[in-house]
C-alpha atoms as a PDB file:
ATOM      1  CA  MET A   1      82.390  19.459  45.889  1.00  0.00           C
ATOM      2  CA  PRO A   2      81.752  17.622  49.144  1.00  0.00           C
ATOM      3  CA  ASP A   3      84.572  16.046  51.104  1.00  0.00           C
ATOM      4  CA  PHE A   4      85.160  12.511  49.925  1.00  0.00           C
ATOM      5  CA  ASN A   5      87.011   9.922  51.944  1.00  0.00           C
ATOM      6  CA  ARG A   6      90.080   8.312  50.422  1.00  0.00           C
ATOM      7  CA  TYR A   7      88.177   5.283  49.142  1.00  0.00           C
ATOM      8  CA  GLU A   8      85.606   7.411  47.348  1.00  0.00           C
ATOM      9  CA  LYS A   9      88.352   9.590  45.878  1.00  0.00           C
ATOM     10  CA  ALA A  10      90.238   6.529  44.615  1.00  0.00           C
ATOM     11  CA  ARG A  11      87.084   5.084  43.072  1.00  0.00           C
ATOM     12  CA  ILE A  12      86.165   8.363  41.347  1.00  0.00           C
ATOM     13  CA  ILE A  13      89.649   8.940  39.939  1.00  0.00           C
ATOM     14  CA  GLY A  14      89.970   5.303  38.874  1.00  0.00           C
ATOM     15  CA  ALA A  15      86.609   5.299  37.100  1.00  0.00           C
ATOM     16  CA  ARG A  16      87.418   8.548  35.321  1.00  0.00           C
ATOM     17  CA  ALA A  17      90.879   7.300  34.302  1.00  0.00           C
ATOM     18  CA  LEU A  18      89.235   4.254  32.724  1.00  0.00           C
ATOM     19  CA  GLN A  19      86.870   6.508  30.790  1.00  0.00           C
ATOM     20  CA  VAL A  20      89.746   8.673  29.556  1.00  0.00           C
ATOM     21  CA  SER A  21      91.756   5.612  28.519  1.00  0.00           C
ATOM     22  CA  TYR A  22      88.817   4.486  26.373  1.00  0.00           C
ATOM     23  CA  GLY A  23      88.697   7.838  24.600  1.00  0.00           C
ATOM     24  CA  ALA A  24      86.365  10.036  26.648  1.00  0.00           C
ATOM     25  CA  PRO A  25      86.971  13.765  26.173  1.00  0.00           C
ATOM     26  CA  VAL A  26      89.265  15.414  28.714  1.00  0.00           C
ATOM     27  CA  LEU A  27      87.466  18.066  30.776  1.00  0.00           C
ATOM     28  CA  VAL A  28      90.473  20.280  31.632  1.00  0.00           C
ATOM     29  CA  ASP A  29      93.443  21.650  29.719  1.00  0.00           C
ATOM     30  CA  THR A  30      96.485  19.617  30.671  1.00  0.00           C
ATOM     31  CA  ASP A  31      99.885  18.547  29.403  1.00  0.00           C
ATOM     32  CA  GLN A  32      99.541  15.094  30.977  1.00  0.00           C
ATOM     33  CA  THR A  33      99.286  11.971  28.824  1.00  0.00           C
ATOM     34  CA  GLU A  34      98.613   9.312  31.477  1.00  0.00           C
ATOM     35  CA  PRO A  35      94.871   8.770  32.110  1.00  0.00           C
ATOM     36  CA  ILE A  36      95.314   8.496  35.898  1.00  0.00           C
ATOM     37  CA  LEU A  37      97.134  11.857  36.030  1.00  0.00           C
ATOM     38  CA  ILE A  38      94.520  13.472  33.801  1.00  0.00           C
ATOM     39  CA  ALA A  39      91.768  12.149  36.071  1.00  0.00           C
ATOM     40  CA  ALA A  40      93.583  13.455  39.156  1.00  0.00           C
ATOM     41  CA  GLU A  41      93.861  16.922  37.599  1.00  0.00           C
ATOM     42  CA  GLU A  42      90.168  16.863  36.720  1.00  0.00           C
ATOM     43  CA  TYR A  43      89.359  15.858  40.297  1.00  0.00           C
ATOM     44  CA  ASP A  44      91.476  18.692  41.696  1.00  0.00           C
ATOM     45  CA  ALA A  45      89.755  21.159  39.337  1.00  0.00           C
ATOM     46  CA  ASN A  46      86.279  19.973  40.477  1.00  0.00           C
ATOM     47  CA  ALA A  47      85.453  19.187  36.849  1.00  0.00           C
ATOM     48  CA  LEU A  48      84.142  15.641  37.318  1.00  0.00           C
ATOM     49  CA  PRO A  49      80.414  14.985  36.943  1.00  0.00           C
ATOM     50  CA  PHE A  50      80.326  12.159  39.500  1.00  0.00           C
ATOM     51  CA  THR A  51      78.039  11.891  42.494  1.00  0.00           C
ATOM     52  CA  VAL A  52      78.447   9.620  45.499  1.00  0.00           C
ATOM     53  CA  ARG A  53      75.413   8.117  47.182  1.00  0.00           C
ATOM     54  CA  ARG A  54      75.904   7.250  50.826  1.00  0.00           C
ATOM     55  CA  GLU A  55      73.527   5.133  52.825  1.00  0.00           C
ATOM     56  CA  GLN A  56      72.407   6.848  56.002  1.00  0.00           C
END
């Protein structure tokens, strides 16, 4: 996974937390119940299928 700046990381985790809160399947085994914590664990495990397009 490439290095994301803090704004990209916040956007990715926030978008994934919203998906999880609406019932999307969780991509890692976790004991967490809060969507934001689940999304953060998925981010740390490099399990998120997000890409970031940057203008050059």
